[in-house]
């Protein structure tokens, strides 16, 4: 996911994080300057849904406009299977629960 806050804010004429922070405070969301800086300059690792709701209300947008999917990055993380043509990989063994040894005979 790519965080699109700055571009979305610029489309609404908001050019500075201090201005965005003031608008969020007016909407009832008090954000520290450090947290606002993180939201403004980078991609947050976490964000509360309540906070996202207020940000969307201030920018008059949906979460889909702030969080941009990046399918290429997802595909790059997928493990690759390299097999020769015609080779059949053994079926995976599904093991559920605790692995216990058999009792002595």
C-alpha atoms as a PDB file:
ATOM      1  CA  UNK A   1       0.000   0.000   0.000  1.00  0.00           C
ATOM      2  CA  UNK A   2       1.088   3.513  -0.725  1.00  0.00           C
ATOM      3  CA  UNK A   3      -0.009   6.335   1.576  1.00  0.00           C
ATOM      4  CA  UNK A   4      -1.434   9.214  -0.441  1.00  0.00           C
ATOM      5  CA  UNK A   5      -2.138  11.863   2.221  1.00  0.00           C
ATOM      6  CA  UNK A   6       0.032  14.676   0.860  1.00  0.00           C
ATOM      7  CA  UNK A   7      -1.271  14.436  -2.692  1.00  0.00           C
ATOM      8  CA  UNK A   8      -4.884  14.247  -1.526  1.00  0.00           C
ATOM      9  CA  UNK A   9      -4.325  17.226   0.803  1.00  0.00           C
ATOM     10  CA  UNK A  10      -2.697  19.224  -2.010  1.00  0.00           C
ATOM     11  CA  UNK A  11      -5.740  18.567  -4.188  1.00  0.00           C
ATOM     12  CA  UNK A  12      -7.786  20.279  -1.449  1.00  0.00           C
ATOM     13  CA  UNK A  13      -5.354  23.226  -1.240  1.00  0.00           C
ATOM     14  CA  UNK A  14      -3.648  22.070   1.971  1.00  0.00           C
ATOM     15  CA  UNK A  15       0.102  22.473   1.504  1.00  0.00           C
ATOM     16  CA  UNK A  16       1.500  22.287   5.049  1.00  0.00           C
ATOM     17  CA  UNK A  17       1.226  19.655   7.750  1.00  0.00           C
ATOM     18  CA  UNK A  18       0.514  22.384  10.331  1.00  0.00           C
ATOM     19  CA  UNK A  19      -2.540  23.457   8.343  1.00  0.00           C
ATOM     20  CA  UNK A  20      -3.714  19.830   8.093  1.00  0.00           C
ATOM     21  CA  UNK A  21      -3.137  19.361  11.827  1.00  0.00           C
ATOM     22  CA  UNK A  22      -5.233  22.462  12.575  1.00  0.00           C
ATOM     23  CA  UNK A  23      -8.088  21.205  10.371  1.00  0.00           C
ATOM     24  CA  UNK A  24      -7.972  17.809  12.073  1.00  0.00           C
ATOM     25  CA  UNK A  25      -8.099  19.478  15.489  1.00  0.00           C
ATOM     26  CA  UNK A  26     -11.150  21.475  14.392  1.00  0.00           C
ATOM     27  CA  UNK A  27     -12.763  18.164  13.409  1.00  0.00           C
ATOM     28  CA  UNK A  28     -12.019  16.696  16.839  1.00  0.00           C
ATOM     29  CA  UNK A  29      -8.765  14.817  16.222  1.00  0.00           C
ATOM     30  CA  UNK A  30      -5.827  16.104  18.249  1.00  0.00           C
ATOM     31  CA  UNK A  31      -2.576  14.792  16.753  1.00  0.00           C
ATOM     32  CA  UNK A  32       0.879  15.460  18.150  1.00  0.00           C
ATOM     33  CA  UNK A  33       3.302  17.253  15.858  1.00  0.00           C
ATOM     34  CA  UNK A  34       5.498  14.129  15.746  1.00  0.00           C
ATOM     35  CA  UNK A  35       2.643  11.875  14.676  1.00  0.00           C
ATOM     36  CA  UNK A  36       1.473  14.448  12.136  1.00  0.00           C
ATOM     37  CA  UNK A  37       4.978  14.634  10.720  1.00  0.00           C
ATOM     38  CA  UNK A  38       4.996  10.850  10.329  1.00  0.00           C
ATOM     39  CA  UNK A  39       1.616  10.849   8.594  1.00  0.00           C
ATOM     40  CA  UNK A  40       2.650  13.730   6.340  1.00  0.00           C
ATOM     41  CA  UNK A  41       6.118  12.583   5.274  1.00  0.00           C
ATOM     42  CA  UNK A  42       5.913   8.818   5.234  1.00  0.00           C
ATOM     43  CA  UNK A  43       3.700   5.785   5.191  1.00  0.00           C
ATOM     44  CA  UNK A  44       2.282   4.900   8.610  1.00  0.00           C
ATOM     45  CA  UNK A  45       2.676   1.286   9.691  1.00  0.00           C
ATOM     46  CA  UNK A  46      -0.564   1.564  11.651  1.00  0.00           C
ATOM     47  CA  UNK A  47      -3.445   3.996  11.771  1.00  0.00           C
ATOM     48  CA  UNK A  48      -6.560   3.870  13.907  1.00  0.00           C
ATOM     49  CA  UNK A  49      -9.757   3.539  11.936  1.00  0.00           C
ATOM     50  CA  UNK A  50     -11.301   6.402  13.927  1.00  0.00           C
ATOM     51  CA  UNK A  51      -8.368   8.632  12.932  1.00  0.00           C
ATOM     52  CA  UNK A  52      -8.661   7.538   9.295  1.00  0.00           C
ATOM     53  CA  UNK A  53     -12.357   8.393   9.400  1.00  0.00           C
ATOM     54  CA  UNK A  54     -11.635  11.955  10.571  1.00  0.00           C
ATOM     55  CA  UNK A  55      -8.851  12.408   7.996  1.00  0.00           C
ATOM     56  CA  UNK A  56     -11.248  11.282   5.257  1.00  0.00           C
ATOM     57  CA  UNK A  57     -13.930  13.663   6.542  1.00  0.00           C
ATOM     58  CA  UNK A  58     -11.516  16.618   6.518  1.00  0.00           C
ATOM     59  CA  UNK A  59     -10.263  15.792   3.007  1.00  0.00           C
ATOM     60  CA  UNK A  60     -13.726  14.778   1.776  1.00  0.00           C
ATOM     61  CA  UNK A  61     -12.423  11.489   0.412  1.00  0.00           C
ATOM     62  CA  UNK A  62     -12.659   7.758   0.965  1.00  0.00           C
ATOM     63  CA  UNK A  63      -9.968   5.514   2.498  1.00  0.00           C
ATOM     64  CA  UNK A  64      -9.402   4.069  -1.004  1.00  0.00           C
ATOM     65  CA  UNK A  65      -8.151   7.489  -2.101  1.00  0.00           C
ATOM     66  CA  UNK A  66      -5.604   7.580   0.724  1.00  0.00           C
ATOM     67  CA  UNK A  67      -4.454   3.965   0.510  1.00  0.00           C
ATOM     68  CA  UNK A  68      -3.303   3.083  -2.991  1.00  0.00           C
ATOM     69  CA  UNK A  69      -2.887  -0.616  -3.795  1.00  0.00           C
ATOM     70  CA  UNK A  70       0.423  -1.750  -5.277  1.00  0.00           C
ATOM     71  CA  UNK A  71      -0.177  -5.218  -6.778  1.00  0.00           C
ATOM     72  CA  UNK A  72       3.355  -5.403  -8.229  1.00  0.00           C
ATOM     73  CA  UNK A  73       4.864  -5.260  -4.734  1.00  0.00           C
ATOM     74  CA  UNK A  74       2.539  -8.028  -3.573  1.00  0.00           C
ATOM     75  CA  UNK A  75       3.542 -10.208  -6.511  1.00  0.00           C
ATOM     76  CA  UNK A  76       7.229  -9.569  -5.807  1.00  0.00           C
ATOM     77  CA  UNK A  77       6.840 -10.874  -2.239  1.00  0.00           C
ATOM     78  CA  UNK A  78       5.248 -14.135  -3.383  1.00  0.00           C
ATOM     79  CA  UNK A  79       7.692 -17.078  -3.163  1.00  0.00           C
ATOM     80  CA  UNK A  80       8.696 -18.465  -6.523  1.00  0.00           C
ATOM     81  CA  UNK A  81       8.556 -22.146  -7.342  1.00  0.00           C
ATOM     82  CA  UNK A  82      11.297 -23.211  -9.690  1.00  0.00           C
ATOM     83  CA  UNK A  83      10.731 -26.623 -11.186  1.00  0.00           C
ATOM     84  CA  UNK A  84      11.874 -28.256 -14.351  1.00  0.00           C
ATOM     85  CA  UNK A  85       9.174 -28.732 -16.958  1.00  0.00           C
ATOM     86  CA  UNK A  86       7.325 -31.981 -16.310  1.00  0.00           C
ATOM     87  CA  UNK A  87       8.631 -32.399 -12.739  1.00  0.00           C
ATOM     88  CA  UNK A  88       5.885 -33.142 -10.280  1.00  0.00           C
ATOM     89  CA  UNK A  89       6.354 -31.658  -6.822  1.00  0.00           C
ATOM     90  CA  UNK A  90       5.349 -33.916  -3.940  1.00  0.00           C
ATOM     91  CA  UNK A  91       2.064 -32.990  -2.337  1.00  0.00           C
ATOM     92  CA  UNK A  92       2.496 -31.075   0.922  1.00  0.00           C
ATOM     93  CA  UNK A  93       1.835 -33.010   4.111  1.00  0.00           C
ATOM     94  CA  UNK A  94      -0.805 -31.331   6.236  1.00  0.00           C
ATOM     95  CA  UNK A  95      -0.177 -31.781   9.935  1.00  0.00           C
ATOM     96  CA  UNK A  96      -2.721 -30.482  12.344  1.00  0.00           C
ATOM     97  CA  UNK A  97      -2.463 -30.366  16.117  1.00  0.00           C
ATOM     98  CA  UNK A  98       0.445 -31.504  18.265  1.00  0.00           C
ATOM     99  CA  UNK A  99       2.873 -33.945  16.756  1.00  0.00           C
ATOM    100  CA  UNK A 100       2.972 -36.995  19.031  1.00  0.00           C
ATOM    101  CA  UNK A 101       5.020 -40.106  18.835  1.00  0.00           C
ATOM    102  CA  UNK A 102       3.317 -43.475  18.798  1.00  0.00           C
ATOM    103  CA  UNK A 103       3.173 -45.407  22.097  1.00  0.00           C
ATOM    104  CA  UNK A 104       5.594 -48.316  22.611  1.00  0.00           C
ATOM    105  CA  UNK A 105       4.332 -51.723  21.450  1.00  0.00           C
END
